[in-house]
């Protein structure tokens, strides 16, 4: 049971990292589009897109880890 809690906390931590990225990414992309004439337009847009993709990956991994802690922990107890 203790390892299941550790896995659950790991999943929640990943979700905690994803939440600010879901806010930061679109803000950076919006800021980039407002300053299209600036020389750093493309790099800032790239950073925003990378942050958005990272947020989606962290969300997926977090949910997958939480599901693993909830459902795969029962297999060890019944054997």
PDB file of N, CA and C in Angstrom:
ATOM      1  N   UNK A   1       0.819  -1.202   0.000  1.00  0.00           N
ATOM      2  CA  UNK A   1       0.000   0.000   0.000  1.00  0.00           C
ATOM      3  C   UNK A   1       0.858   1.259   0.000  1.00  0.00           C
ATOM      4  N   UNK A   2       2.031   1.192   0.628  1.00  0.00           N
ATOM      5  CA  UNK A   2       2.891   2.374   0.706  1.00  0.00           C
ATOM      6  C   UNK A   2       3.405   2.771  -0.671  1.00  0.00           C
ATOM      7  N   UNK A   3       3.716   1.779  -1.495  1.00  0.00           N
ATOM      8  CA  UNK A   3       4.207   2.120  -2.834  1.00  0.00           C
ATOM      9  C   UNK A   3       3.100   2.735  -3.678  1.00  0.00           C
ATOM     10  N   UNK A   4       1.846   2.324  -3.437  1.00  0.00           N
ATOM     11  CA  UNK A   4       0.737   2.919  -4.178  1.00  0.00           C
ATOM     12  C   UNK A   4       0.607   4.407  -3.854  1.00  0.00           C
ATOM     13  N   UNK A   5       0.836   4.777  -2.597  1.00  0.00           N
ATOM     14  CA  UNK A   5       0.769   6.197  -2.228  1.00  0.00           C
ATOM     15  C   UNK A   5       1.885   6.982  -2.892  1.00  0.00           C
ATOM     16  N   UNK A   6       3.071   6.372  -2.965  1.00  0.00           N
ATOM     17  CA  UNK A   6       4.191   7.060  -3.614  1.00  0.00           C
ATOM     18  C   UNK A   6       3.904   7.285  -5.096  1.00  0.00           C
ATOM     19  N   UNK A   7       3.321   6.284  -5.738  1.00  0.00           N
ATOM     20  CA  UNK A   7       2.991   6.421  -7.154  1.00  0.00           C
ATOM     21  C   UNK A   7       1.901   7.472  -7.339  1.00  0.00           C
ATOM     22  N   UNK A   8       0.918   7.482  -6.432  1.00  0.00           N
ATOM     23  CA  UNK A   8      -0.155   8.477  -6.504  1.00  0.00           C
ATOM     24  C   UNK A   8       0.395   9.892  -6.337  1.00  0.00           C
ATOM     25  N   UNK A   9       1.288  10.070  -5.392  1.00  0.00           N
ATOM     26  CA  UNK A   9       1.896  11.395  -5.179  1.00  0.00           C
ATOM     27  C   UNK A   9       2.708  11.815  -6.395  1.00  0.00           C
ATOM     28  N   UNK A  10       3.387  10.860  -7.017  1.00  0.00           N
ATOM     29  CA  UNK A  10       4.155  11.161  -8.229  1.00  0.00           C
ATOM     30  C   UNK A  10       3.223  11.644  -9.342  1.00  0.00           C
ATOM     31  N   UNK A  11       2.068  10.995  -9.490  1.00  0.00           N
ATOM     32  CA  UNK A  11       1.102  11.411 -10.501  1.00  0.00           C
ATOM     33  C   UNK A  11       0.523  12.787 -10.215  1.00  0.00           C
ATOM     34  N   UNK A  12       0.213  13.033  -8.952  1.00  0.00           N
ATOM     35  CA  UNK A  12      -0.325  14.345  -8.580  1.00  0.00           C
ATOM     36  C   UNK A  12       0.711  15.447  -8.767  1.00  0.00           C
ATOM     37  N   UNK A  13       1.977  15.108  -8.543  1.00  0.00           N
ATOM     38  CA  UNK A  13       3.050  16.081  -8.764  1.00  0.00           C
ATOM     39  C   UNK A  13       3.142  16.449 -10.245  1.00  0.00           C
ATOM     40  N   UNK A  14       3.003  15.440 -11.105  1.00  0.00           N
ATOM     41  CA  UNK A  14       3.035  15.728 -12.542  1.00  0.00           C
ATOM     42  C   UNK A  14       1.855  16.611 -12.940  1.00  0.00           C
ATOM     43  N   UNK A  15       0.693  16.344 -12.373  1.00  0.00           N
ATOM     44  CA  UNK A  15      -0.464  17.194 -12.664  1.00  0.00           C
ATOM     45  C   UNK A  15      -0.239  18.608 -12.131  1.00  0.00           C
ATOM     46  N   UNK A  16       0.446  18.708 -10.997  1.00  0.00           N
ATOM     47  CA  UNK A  16       0.761  20.025 -10.442  1.00  0.00           C
ATOM     48  C   UNK A  16       1.701  20.818 -11.331  1.00  0.00           C
ATOM     49  N   UNK A  17       2.614  20.136 -11.999  1.00  0.00           N
ATOM     50  CA  UNK A  17       3.499  20.819 -12.941  1.00  0.00           C
ATOM     51  C   UNK A  17       2.761  21.210 -14.209  1.00  0.00           C
ATOM     52  N   UNK A  18       1.775  20.418 -14.605  1.00  0.00           N
ATOM     53  CA  UNK A  18       1.049  20.698 -15.842  1.00  0.00           C
ATOM     54  C   UNK A  18       0.152  21.926 -15.714  1.00  0.00           C
ATOM     55  N   UNK A  19      -0.415  22.139 -14.550  1.00  0.00           N
ATOM     56  CA  UNK A  19      -1.376  23.227 -14.366  1.00  0.00           C
ATOM     57  C   UNK A  19      -0.802  24.610 -14.686  1.00  0.00           C
ATOM     58  N   UNK A  20       0.350  25.007 -14.135  1.00  0.00           N
ATOM     59  CA  UNK A  20       0.872  26.328 -14.515  1.00  0.00           C
ATOM     60  C   UNK A  20       1.281  26.416 -15.984  1.00  0.00           C
ATOM     61  N   UNK A  21       1.706  25.270 -16.552  1.00  0.00           N
ATOM     62  CA  UNK A  21       2.081  25.293 -17.963  1.00  0.00           C
ATOM     63  C   UNK A  21       0.869  25.512 -18.856  1.00  0.00           C
ATOM     64  N   UNK A  22      -0.316  25.019 -18.423  1.00  0.00           N
ATOM     65  CA  UNK A  22      -1.526  25.247 -19.202  1.00  0.00           C
ATOM     66  C   UNK A  22      -1.906  26.724 -19.227  1.00  0.00           C
ATOM     67  N   UNK A  23      -1.437  27.481 -18.268  1.00  0.00           N
ATOM     68  CA  UNK A  23      -1.708  28.916 -18.246  1.00  0.00           C
ATOM     69  C   UNK A  23      -0.587  29.682 -18.960  1.00  0.00           C
ATOM     70  N   UNK A  24       0.662  29.311 -18.664  1.00  0.00           N
ATOM     71  CA  UNK A  24       1.803  30.038 -19.219  1.00  0.00           C
ATOM     72  C   UNK A  24       1.913  29.931 -20.737  1.00  0.00           C
ATOM     73  N   UNK A  25       1.691  28.731 -21.279  1.00  0.00           N
ATOM     74  CA  UNK A  25       1.841  28.518 -22.720  1.00  0.00           C
ATOM     75  C   UNK A  25       0.975  29.435 -23.554  1.00  0.00           C
ATOM     76  N   UNK A  26      -0.340  29.448 -23.341  1.00  0.00           N
ATOM     77  CA  UNK A  26      -1.181  30.349 -24.143  1.00  0.00           C
ATOM     78  C   UNK A  26      -0.881  31.826 -23.914  1.00  0.00           C
ATOM     79  N   UNK A  27      -0.482  32.198 -22.705  1.00  0.00           N
ATOM     80  CA  UNK A  27      -0.131  33.603 -22.450  1.00  0.00           C
ATOM     81  C   UNK A  27       1.097  33.989 -23.269  1.00  0.00           C
ATOM     82  N   UNK A  28       2.082  33.118 -23.313  1.00  0.00           N
ATOM     83  CA  UNK A  28       3.297  33.402 -24.087  1.00  0.00           C
ATOM     84  C   UNK A  28       2.986  33.445 -25.587  1.00  0.00           C
ATOM     85  N   UNK A  29       2.151  32.516 -26.045  1.00  0.00           N
ATOM     86  CA  UNK A  29       1.777  32.513 -27.466  1.00  0.00           C
ATOM     87  C   UNK A  29       1.008  33.786 -27.817  1.00  0.00           C
ATOM     88  N   UNK A  30       0.080  34.192 -26.965  1.00  0.00           N
ATOM     89  CA  UNK A  30      -0.687  35.415 -27.213  1.00  0.00           C
ATOM     90  C   UNK A  30       0.236  36.639 -27.232  1.00  0.00           C
ATOM     91  N   UNK A  31       1.162  36.685 -26.301  1.00  0.00           N
ATOM     92  CA  UNK A  31       2.119  37.789 -26.255  1.00  0.00           C
ATOM     93  C   UNK A  31       2.974  37.816 -27.526  1.00  0.00           C
ATOM     94  N   UNK A  32       3.342  36.643 -27.992  1.00  0.00           N
ATOM     95  CA  UNK A  32       4.137  36.559 -29.210  1.00  0.00           C
ATOM     96  C   UNK A  32       3.360  37.085 -30.412  1.00  0.00           C
ATOM     97  N   UNK A  33       2.080  36.713 -30.526  1.00  0.00           N
ATOM     98  CA  UNK A  33       1.281  37.174 -31.664  1.00  0.00           C
ATOM     99  C   UNK A  33       1.009  38.673 -31.613  1.00  0.00           C
ATOM    100  N   UNK A  34       0.993  39.239 -30.420  1.00  0.00           N
ATOM    101  CA  UNK A  34       0.787  40.687 -30.311  1.00  0.00           C
ATOM    102  C   UNK A  34       2.022  41.464 -30.752  1.00  0.00           C
ATOM    103  N   UNK A  35       3.190  40.836 -30.746  1.00  0.00           N
ATOM    104  CA  UNK A  35       4.451  41.499 -31.097  1.00  0.00           C
ATOM    105  C   UNK A  35       5.075  40.842 -32.323  1.00  0.00           C
ATOM    106  N   UNK A  36       4.332  40.735 -33.407  1.00  0.00           N
ATOM    107  CA  UNK A  36       4.839  40.037 -34.593  1.00  0.00           C
ATOM    108  C   UNK A  36       5.989  40.769 -35.282  1.00  0.00           C
ATOM    109  N   UNK A  37       6.113  42.040 -35.072  1.00  0.00           N
ATOM    110  CA  UNK A  37       7.200  42.784 -35.698  1.00  0.00           C
ATOM    111  C   UNK A  37       8.517  42.673 -34.940  1.00  0.00           C
ATOM    112  N   UNK A  38       8.491  42.130 -33.761  1.00  0.00           N
ATOM    113  CA  UNK A  38       9.686  42.027 -32.922  1.00  0.00           C
ATOM    114  C   UNK A  38      10.604  40.931 -33.462  1.00  0.00           C
ATOM    115  N   UNK A  39      11.932  41.131 -33.358  1.00  0.00           N
ATOM    116  CA  UNK A  39      12.852  40.116 -33.891  1.00  0.00           C
ATOM    117  C   UNK A  39      12.786  38.774 -33.151  1.00  0.00           C
ATOM    118  N   UNK A  40      12.311  38.768 -31.912  1.00  0.00           N
ATOM    119  CA  UNK A  40      12.226  37.521 -31.155  1.00  0.00           C
ATOM    120  C   UNK A  40      10.853  36.861 -31.265  1.00  0.00           C
ATOM    121  N   UNK A  41      10.089  37.248 -32.277  1.00  0.00           N
ATOM    122  CA  UNK A  41       8.730  36.708 -32.450  1.00  0.00           C
ATOM    123  C   UNK A  41       8.743  35.182 -32.586  1.00  0.00           C
ATOM    124  N   UNK A  42       9.560  34.658 -33.487  1.00  0.00           N
ATOM    125  CA  UNK A  42       9.568  33.219 -33.756  1.00  0.00           C
ATOM    126  C   UNK A  42      10.098  32.420 -32.556  1.00  0.00           C
ATOM    127  N   UNK A  43      11.212  32.823 -31.917  1.00  0.00           N
ATOM    128  CA  UNK A  43      11.671  32.038 -30.765  1.00  0.00           C
ATOM    129  C   UNK A  43      10.669  32.033 -29.600  1.00  0.00           C
ATOM    130  N   UNK A  44      10.030  33.164 -29.345  1.00  0.00           N
ATOM    131  CA  UNK A  44       9.056  33.224 -28.251  1.00  0.00           C
ATOM    132  C   UNK A  44       7.834  32.370 -28.588  1.00  0.00           C
ATOM    133  N   UNK A  45       7.412  32.401 -29.850  1.00  0.00           N
ATOM    134  CA  UNK A  45       6.304  31.553 -30.281  1.00  0.00           C
ATOM    135  C   UNK A  45       6.675  30.077 -30.102  1.00  0.00           C
ATOM    136  N   UNK A  46       7.892  29.724 -30.446  1.00  0.00           N
ATOM    137  CA  UNK A  46       8.364  28.347 -30.273  1.00  0.00           C
ATOM    138  C   UNK A  46       8.370  27.926 -28.812  1.00  0.00           C
ATOM    139  N   UNK A  47       8.810  28.820 -27.935  1.00  0.00           N
ATOM    140  CA  UNK A  47       8.811  28.515 -26.502  1.00  0.00           C
ATOM    141  C   UNK A  47       7.385  28.289 -26.000  1.00  0.00           C
ATOM    142  N   UNK A  48       6.461  29.118 -26.435  1.00  0.00           N
ATOM    143  CA  UNK A  48       5.068  28.963 -26.033  1.00  0.00           C
ATOM    144  C   UNK A  48       4.486  27.639 -26.493  1.00  0.00           C
ATOM    145  N   UNK A  49       4.786  27.260 -27.729  1.00  0.00           N
ATOM    146  CA  UNK A  49       4.288  25.991 -28.256  1.00  0.00           C
ATOM    147  C   UNK A  49       4.898  24.814 -27.510  1.00  0.00           C
ATOM    148  N   UNK A  50       6.182  24.890 -27.214  1.00  0.00           N
ATOM    149  CA  UNK A  50       6.842  23.817 -26.457  1.00  0.00           C
ATOM    150  C   UNK A  50       6.240  23.688 -25.063  1.00  0.00           C
ATOM    151  N   UNK A  51       5.941  24.805 -24.423  1.00  0.00           N
ATOM    152  CA  UNK A  51       5.328  24.759 -23.094  1.00  0.00           C
ATOM    153  C   UNK A  51       3.935  24.131 -23.162  1.00  0.00           C
ATOM    154  N   UNK A  52       3.166  24.465 -24.192  1.00  0.00           N
ATOM    155  CA  UNK A  52       1.825  23.865 -24.337  1.00  0.00           C
ATOM    156  C   UNK A  52       1.910  22.359 -24.562  1.00  0.00           C
ATOM    157  N   UNK A  53       2.821  21.931 -25.407  1.00  0.00           N
ATOM    158  CA  UNK A  53       2.989  20.495 -25.653  1.00  0.00           C
ATOM    159  C   UNK A  53       3.472  19.793 -24.389  1.00  0.00           C
ATOM    160  N   UNK A  54       4.395  20.422 -23.656  1.00  0.00           N
ATOM    161  CA  UNK A  54       4.869  19.842 -22.400  1.00  0.00           C
ATOM    162  C   UNK A  54       3.744  19.700 -21.383  1.00  0.00           C
ATOM    163  N   UNK A  55       2.856  20.675 -21.344  1.00  0.00           N
ATOM    164  CA  UNK A  55       1.722  20.607 -20.428  1.00  0.00           C
ATOM    165  C   UNK A  55       0.832  19.418 -20.761  1.00  0.00           C
ATOM    166  N   UNK A  56       0.599  19.184 -22.043  1.00  0.00           N
ATOM    167  CA  UNK A  56      -0.233  18.044 -22.434  1.00  0.00           C
ATOM    168  C   UNK A  56       0.436  16.720 -22.080  1.00  0.00           C
ATOM    169  N   UNK A  57       1.753  16.650 -22.282  1.00  0.00           N
ATOM    170  CA  UNK A  57       2.487  15.424 -21.950  1.00  0.00           C
ATOM    171  C   UNK A  57       2.456  15.181 -20.444  1.00  0.00           C
ATOM    172  N   UNK A  58       2.705  16.218 -19.651  1.00  0.00           N
ATOM    173  CA  UNK A  58       2.666  16.067 -18.195  1.00  0.00           C
ATOM    174  C   UNK A  58       1.275  15.663 -17.712  1.00  0.00           C
ATOM    175  N   UNK A  59       0.238  16.218 -18.322  1.00  0.00           N
ATOM    176  CA  UNK A  59      -1.129  15.856 -17.937  1.00  0.00           C
ATOM    177  C   UNK A  59      -1.392  14.387 -18.253  1.00  0.00           C
ATOM    178  N   UNK A  60      -0.991  13.944 -19.437  1.00  0.00           N
ATOM    179  CA  UNK A  60      -1.177  12.547 -19.811  1.00  0.00           C
ATOM    180  C   UNK A  60      -0.415  11.615 -18.870  1.00  0.00           C
ATOM    181  N   UNK A  61       0.850  11.930 -18.612  1.00  0.00           N
ATOM    182  CA  UNK A  61       1.651  11.079 -17.729  1.00  0.00           C
ATOM    183  C   UNK A  61       1.114  11.077 -16.304  1.00  0.00           C
ATOM    184  N   UNK A  62       0.641  12.220 -15.836  1.00  0.00           N
ATOM    185  CA  UNK A  62       0.083  12.300 -14.492  1.00  0.00           C
ATOM    186  C   UNK A  62      -1.163  11.456 -14.336  1.00  0.00           C
ATOM    187  N   UNK A  63      -2.071  11.546 -15.308  1.00  0.00           N
ATOM    188  CA  UNK A  63      -3.297  10.747 -15.251  1.00  0.00           C
ATOM    189  C   UNK A  63      -2.973   9.273 -15.384  1.00  0.00           C
ATOM    190  N   UNK A  64      -2.041   8.929 -16.256  1.00  0.00           N
ATOM    191  CA  UNK A  64      -1.637   7.534 -16.428  1.00  0.00           C
ATOM    192  C   UNK A  64      -1.030   6.980 -15.134  1.00  0.00           C
ATOM    193  N   UNK A  65      -0.212   7.765 -14.457  1.00  0.00           N
ATOM    194  CA  UNK A  65       0.411   7.333 -13.214  1.00  0.00           C
ATOM    195  C   UNK A  65      -0.626   7.169 -12.111  1.00  0.00           C
ATOM    196  N   UNK A  66      -1.588   8.074 -12.044  1.00  0.00           N
ATOM    197  CA  UNK A  66      -2.645   7.958 -11.033  1.00  0.00           C
ATOM    198  C   UNK A  66      -3.482   6.712 -11.284  1.00  0.00           C
ATOM    199  N   UNK A  67      -3.815   6.439 -12.528  1.00  0.00           N
ATOM    200  CA  UNK A  67      -4.576   5.227 -12.839  1.00  0.00           C
ATOM    201  C   UNK A  67      -3.790   3.980 -12.480  1.00  0.00           C
ATOM    202  N   UNK A  68      -2.482   4.021 -12.696  1.00  0.00           N
ATOM    203  CA  UNK A  68      -1.635   2.889 -12.344  1.00  0.00           C
ATOM    204  C   UNK A  68      -1.653   2.655 -10.835  1.00  0.00           C
ATOM    205  N   UNK A  69      -1.592   3.717 -10.060  1.00  0.00           N
ATOM    206  CA  UNK A  69      -1.574   3.565  -8.601  1.00  0.00           C
ATOM    207  C   UNK A  69      -2.922   3.081  -8.077  1.00  0.00           C
ATOM    208  N   UNK A  70      -4.002   3.449  -8.734  1.00  0.00           N
ATOM    209  CA  UNK A  70      -5.328   3.057  -8.258  1.00  0.00           C
ATOM    210  C   UNK A  70      -5.695   1.631  -8.635  1.00  0.00           C
ATOM    211  N   UNK A  71      -5.338   1.197  -9.847  1.00  0.00           N
ATOM    212  CA  UNK A  71      -5.836  -0.079 -10.333  1.00  0.00           C
ATOM    213  C   UNK A  71      -4.826  -1.213 -10.329  1.00  0.00           C
ATOM    214  N   UNK A  72      -3.538  -0.930 -10.452  1.00  0.00           N
ATOM    215  CA  UNK A  72      -2.558  -2.002 -10.456  1.00  0.00           C
ATOM    216  C   UNK A  72      -2.111  -2.408  -9.068  1.00  0.00           C
ATOM    217  N   UNK A  73      -2.453  -1.640  -8.060  1.00  0.00           N
ATOM    218  CA  UNK A  73      -2.080  -1.984  -6.696  1.00  0.00           C
ATOM    219  C   UNK A  73      -2.858  -3.183  -6.167  1.00  0.00           C
ATOM    220  N   UNK A  74      -4.051  -3.442  -6.689  1.00  0.00           N
ATOM    221  CA  UNK A  74      -4.872  -4.548  -6.215  1.00  0.00           C
ATOM    222  C   UNK A  74      -4.326  -5.895  -6.641  1.00  0.00           C
ATOM    223  N   UNK A  75      -3.544  -5.980  -7.701  1.00  0.00           N
ATOM    224  CA  UNK A  75      -3.024  -7.250  -8.204  1.00  0.00           C
ATOM    225  C   UNK A  75      -2.079  -7.900  -7.201  1.00  0.00           C
ATOM    226  N   UNK A  76      -1.255  -7.114  -6.528  1.00  0.00           N
ATOM    227  CA  UNK A  76      -0.276  -7.662  -5.588  1.00  0.00           C
ATOM    228  C   UNK A  76      -0.927  -8.181  -4.315  1.00  0.00           C
ATOM    229  N   UNK A  77      -2.023  -7.624  -3.894  1.00  0.00           N
ATOM    230  CA  UNK A  77      -2.659  -8.007  -2.630  1.00  0.00           C
ATOM    231  C   UNK A  77      -3.412  -9.327  -2.751  1.00  0.00           C
ATOM    232  N   UNK A  78      -3.874  -9.710  -3.940  1.00  0.00           N
ATOM    233  CA  UNK A  78      -4.695 -10.904  -4.091  1.00  0.00           C
ATOM    234  C   UNK A  78      -3.881 -12.132  -4.467  1.00  0.00           C
ATOM    235  N   UNK A  79      -2.593 -12.014  -4.636  1.00  0.00           N
ATOM    236  CA  UNK A  79      -1.782 -13.172  -5.028  1.00  0.00           C
ATOM    237  C   UNK A  79      -1.228 -13.896  -3.841  1.00  0.00           C
TER     238      UNK A  79
END
